[in-house]
């Protein structure tokens, strides 16, 4: 399995998870995984909710603007 496929599989595995902004480790993990700053992650969670897949979609949409 190539690196990109592993990354996509890992993101898909975590996409059913909720992002807990009260856990510094989760903020660090999801910020790194989604390619955003912790502040961008917090804003995305406030706008899109805590489901990781919703936050990911929100961030992708914001980058297209």
N, C-alpha and C. Protein backbone atom coordinates (compact mmCIF):
# COMPACT_ATOMS: atom_id res chain seq x y z
N UNK A 1 0.85 -1.18 0.00
CA UNK A 1 0.00 0.00 0.00
C UNK A 1 0.89 1.24 0.00
N UNK A 2 0.59 2.18 -0.87
CA UNK A 2 1.37 3.41 -0.96
C UNK A 2 1.05 4.35 0.21
N UNK A 3 1.94 5.30 0.42
CA UNK A 3 1.78 6.25 1.53
C UNK A 3 0.45 7.01 1.43
N UNK A 4 0.10 7.47 0.22
CA UNK A 4 -1.15 8.22 0.05
C UNK A 4 -2.36 7.35 0.40
N UNK A 5 -2.32 6.10 -0.02
CA UNK A 5 -3.43 5.20 0.28
C UNK A 5 -3.54 4.96 1.79
N UNK A 6 -2.40 4.81 2.45
CA UNK A 6 -2.41 4.63 3.90
C UNK A 6 -3.00 5.85 4.59
N UNK A 7 -2.57 7.04 4.13
CA UNK A 7 -3.09 8.28 4.72
C UNK A 7 -4.60 8.38 4.53
N UNK A 8 -5.07 8.07 3.31
CA UNK A 8 -6.51 8.13 3.05
C UNK A 8 -7.26 7.11 3.90
N UNK A 9 -6.69 5.91 4.03
CA UNK A 9 -7.33 4.88 4.84
C UNK A 9 -7.39 5.30 6.29
N UNK A 10 -6.31 5.92 6.78
CA UNK A 10 -6.30 6.38 8.17
C UNK A 10 -7.31 7.50 8.38
N UNK A 11 -7.39 8.43 7.45
CA UNK A 11 -8.38 9.51 7.56
C UNK A 11 -9.78 8.91 7.52
N UNK A 12 -10.03 7.95 6.62
CA UNK A 12 -11.34 7.32 6.56
C UNK A 12 -11.68 6.61 7.86
N UNK A 13 -10.70 5.94 8.45
CA UNK A 13 -10.90 5.27 9.72
C UNK A 13 -11.29 6.28 10.79
N UNK A 14 -10.64 7.43 10.80
CA UNK A 14 -10.90 8.43 11.83
C UNK A 14 -12.10 9.32 11.49
N UNK A 15 -12.61 9.22 10.27
CA UNK A 15 -13.68 10.14 9.86
C UNK A 15 -14.96 9.93 10.65
N UNK A 16 -15.12 8.79 11.29
CA UNK A 16 -16.33 8.56 12.08
C UNK A 16 -16.13 9.07 13.51
N UNK A 17 -14.95 9.52 13.81
CA UNK A 17 -14.65 10.01 15.14
C UNK A 17 -15.07 11.45 15.31
N UNK A 18 -15.23 11.81 16.55
CA UNK A 18 -15.51 13.20 16.89
C UNK A 18 -14.23 13.84 17.39
N UNK A 19 -14.07 15.10 17.08
CA UNK A 19 -12.89 15.84 17.51
C UNK A 19 -13.20 16.51 18.84
N UNK A 20 -12.40 16.20 19.82
CA UNK A 20 -12.58 16.77 21.16
C UNK A 20 -11.56 17.89 21.35
N UNK A 21 -12.03 19.12 21.29
CA UNK A 21 -11.14 20.27 21.42
C UNK A 21 -10.61 20.45 22.83
N UNK A 22 -11.16 19.72 23.78
CA UNK A 22 -10.70 19.83 25.17
C UNK A 22 -9.51 18.92 25.46
N UNK A 23 -9.12 18.12 24.46
CA UNK A 23 -7.97 17.22 24.60
C UNK A 23 -6.83 17.74 23.73
N UNK A 24 -5.78 18.30 24.34
CA UNK A 24 -4.67 18.85 23.56
C UNK A 24 -4.06 17.85 22.57
N UNK A 25 -4.01 16.59 22.94
CA UNK A 25 -3.47 15.58 22.02
C UNK A 25 -4.32 15.42 20.78
N UNK A 26 -5.62 15.52 20.93
CA UNK A 26 -6.51 15.42 19.77
C UNK A 26 -6.39 16.65 18.89
N UNK A 27 -6.29 17.82 19.50
CA UNK A 27 -6.12 19.05 18.72
C UNK A 27 -4.83 18.95 17.90
N UNK A 28 -3.77 18.48 18.54
CA UNK A 28 -2.49 18.33 17.84
C UNK A 28 -2.60 17.29 16.72
N UNK A 29 -3.21 16.14 17.01
CA UNK A 29 -3.36 15.08 16.01
C UNK A 29 -4.16 15.56 14.81
N UNK A 30 -5.36 16.11 15.07
CA UNK A 30 -6.24 16.50 13.98
C UNK A 30 -5.70 17.70 13.20
N UNK A 31 -5.03 18.63 13.87
CA UNK A 31 -4.42 19.76 13.16
C UNK A 31 -3.38 19.25 12.18
N UNK A 32 -2.52 18.34 12.64
CA UNK A 32 -1.49 17.77 11.76
C UNK A 32 -2.12 16.96 10.65
N UNK A 33 -3.10 16.15 10.98
CA UNK A 33 -3.73 15.26 10.00
C UNK A 33 -4.50 16.04 8.94
N UNK A 34 -5.13 17.13 9.35
CA UNK A 34 -5.96 17.91 8.42
C UNK A 34 -5.20 19.08 7.80
N UNK A 35 -3.96 19.28 8.20
CA UNK A 35 -3.14 20.32 7.58
C UNK A 35 -3.60 21.73 7.92
N UNK A 36 -3.93 21.95 9.17
CA UNK A 36 -4.39 23.27 9.58
C UNK A 36 -3.76 23.62 10.92
N UNK A 37 -3.92 24.85 11.32
CA UNK A 37 -3.44 25.27 12.63
C UNK A 37 -4.48 24.88 13.68
N UNK A 38 -4.08 24.84 14.94
CA UNK A 38 -5.07 24.57 15.99
C UNK A 38 -6.22 25.59 15.99
N UNK A 39 -5.92 26.84 15.73
CA UNK A 39 -6.98 27.85 15.69
C UNK A 39 -7.93 27.61 14.52
N UNK A 40 -7.39 27.23 13.37
CA UNK A 40 -8.24 26.90 12.22
C UNK A 40 -9.12 25.69 12.54
N UNK A 41 -8.55 24.71 13.23
CA UNK A 41 -9.31 23.53 13.62
C UNK A 41 -10.46 23.91 14.55
N UNK A 42 -10.16 24.74 15.53
CA UNK A 42 -11.21 25.18 16.47
C UNK A 42 -12.34 25.91 15.73
N UNK A 43 -11.97 26.79 14.82
CA UNK A 43 -12.98 27.52 14.04
C UNK A 43 -13.81 26.56 13.18
N UNK A 44 -13.15 25.57 12.60
CA UNK A 44 -13.85 24.60 11.76
C UNK A 44 -14.82 23.76 12.59
N UNK A 45 -14.41 23.35 13.77
CA UNK A 45 -15.29 22.57 14.64
C UNK A 45 -16.49 23.41 15.06
N UNK A 46 -16.27 24.67 15.37
CA UNK A 46 -17.40 25.55 15.73
C UNK A 46 -18.37 25.71 14.57
N UNK A 47 -17.84 25.77 13.34
CA UNK A 47 -18.68 25.97 12.17
C UNK A 47 -19.33 24.69 11.67
N UNK A 48 -18.59 23.57 11.73
CA UNK A 48 -19.07 22.34 11.09
C UNK A 48 -19.49 21.24 12.05
N UNK A 49 -19.21 21.41 13.32
CA UNK A 49 -19.53 20.36 14.29
C UNK A 49 -18.30 19.52 14.59
N UNK A 50 -18.46 18.52 15.41
CA UNK A 50 -17.32 17.76 15.90
C UNK A 50 -16.97 16.52 15.08
N UNK A 51 -17.80 16.12 14.14
CA UNK A 51 -17.46 14.96 13.31
C UNK A 51 -16.26 15.30 12.42
N UNK A 52 -15.25 14.45 12.50
CA UNK A 52 -14.01 14.70 11.77
C UNK A 52 -14.26 14.86 10.27
N UNK A 53 -15.14 14.05 9.70
CA UNK A 53 -15.37 14.14 8.25
C UNK A 53 -16.04 15.48 7.89
N UNK A 54 -16.88 16.00 8.77
CA UNK A 54 -17.51 17.30 8.52
C UNK A 54 -16.48 18.42 8.60
N UNK A 55 -15.59 18.32 9.57
CA UNK A 55 -14.54 19.33 9.72
C UNK A 55 -13.61 19.28 8.52
N UNK A 56 -13.25 18.09 8.08
CA UNK A 56 -12.38 17.94 6.91
C UNK A 56 -13.04 18.57 5.67
N UNK A 57 -14.31 18.29 5.45
CA UNK A 57 -15.03 18.87 4.31
C UNK A 57 -15.08 20.38 4.40
N UNK A 58 -15.33 20.89 5.59
CA UNK A 58 -15.37 22.34 5.81
C UNK A 58 -14.03 22.97 5.45
N UNK A 59 -12.94 22.39 5.94
CA UNK A 59 -11.61 22.93 5.67
C UNK A 59 -11.28 22.89 4.18
N UNK A 60 -11.64 21.81 3.51
CA UNK A 60 -11.40 21.70 2.07
C UNK A 60 -12.18 22.78 1.33
N UNK A 61 -13.43 22.96 1.72
CA UNK A 61 -14.27 23.98 1.08
C UNK A 61 -13.69 25.37 1.29
N UNK A 62 -13.20 25.65 2.49
CA UNK A 62 -12.62 26.97 2.79
C UNK A 62 -11.35 27.22 1.96
N UNK A 63 -10.59 26.17 1.72
CA UNK A 63 -9.35 26.32 0.94
C UNK A 63 -9.64 26.62 -0.53
N UNK A 64 -10.79 26.20 -1.01
CA UNK A 64 -11.16 26.42 -2.42
C UNK A 64 -11.56 27.86 -2.68
N UNK A 65 -11.91 28.59 -1.63
CA UNK A 65 -12.39 29.97 -1.79
C UNK A 65 -11.26 30.92 -2.03
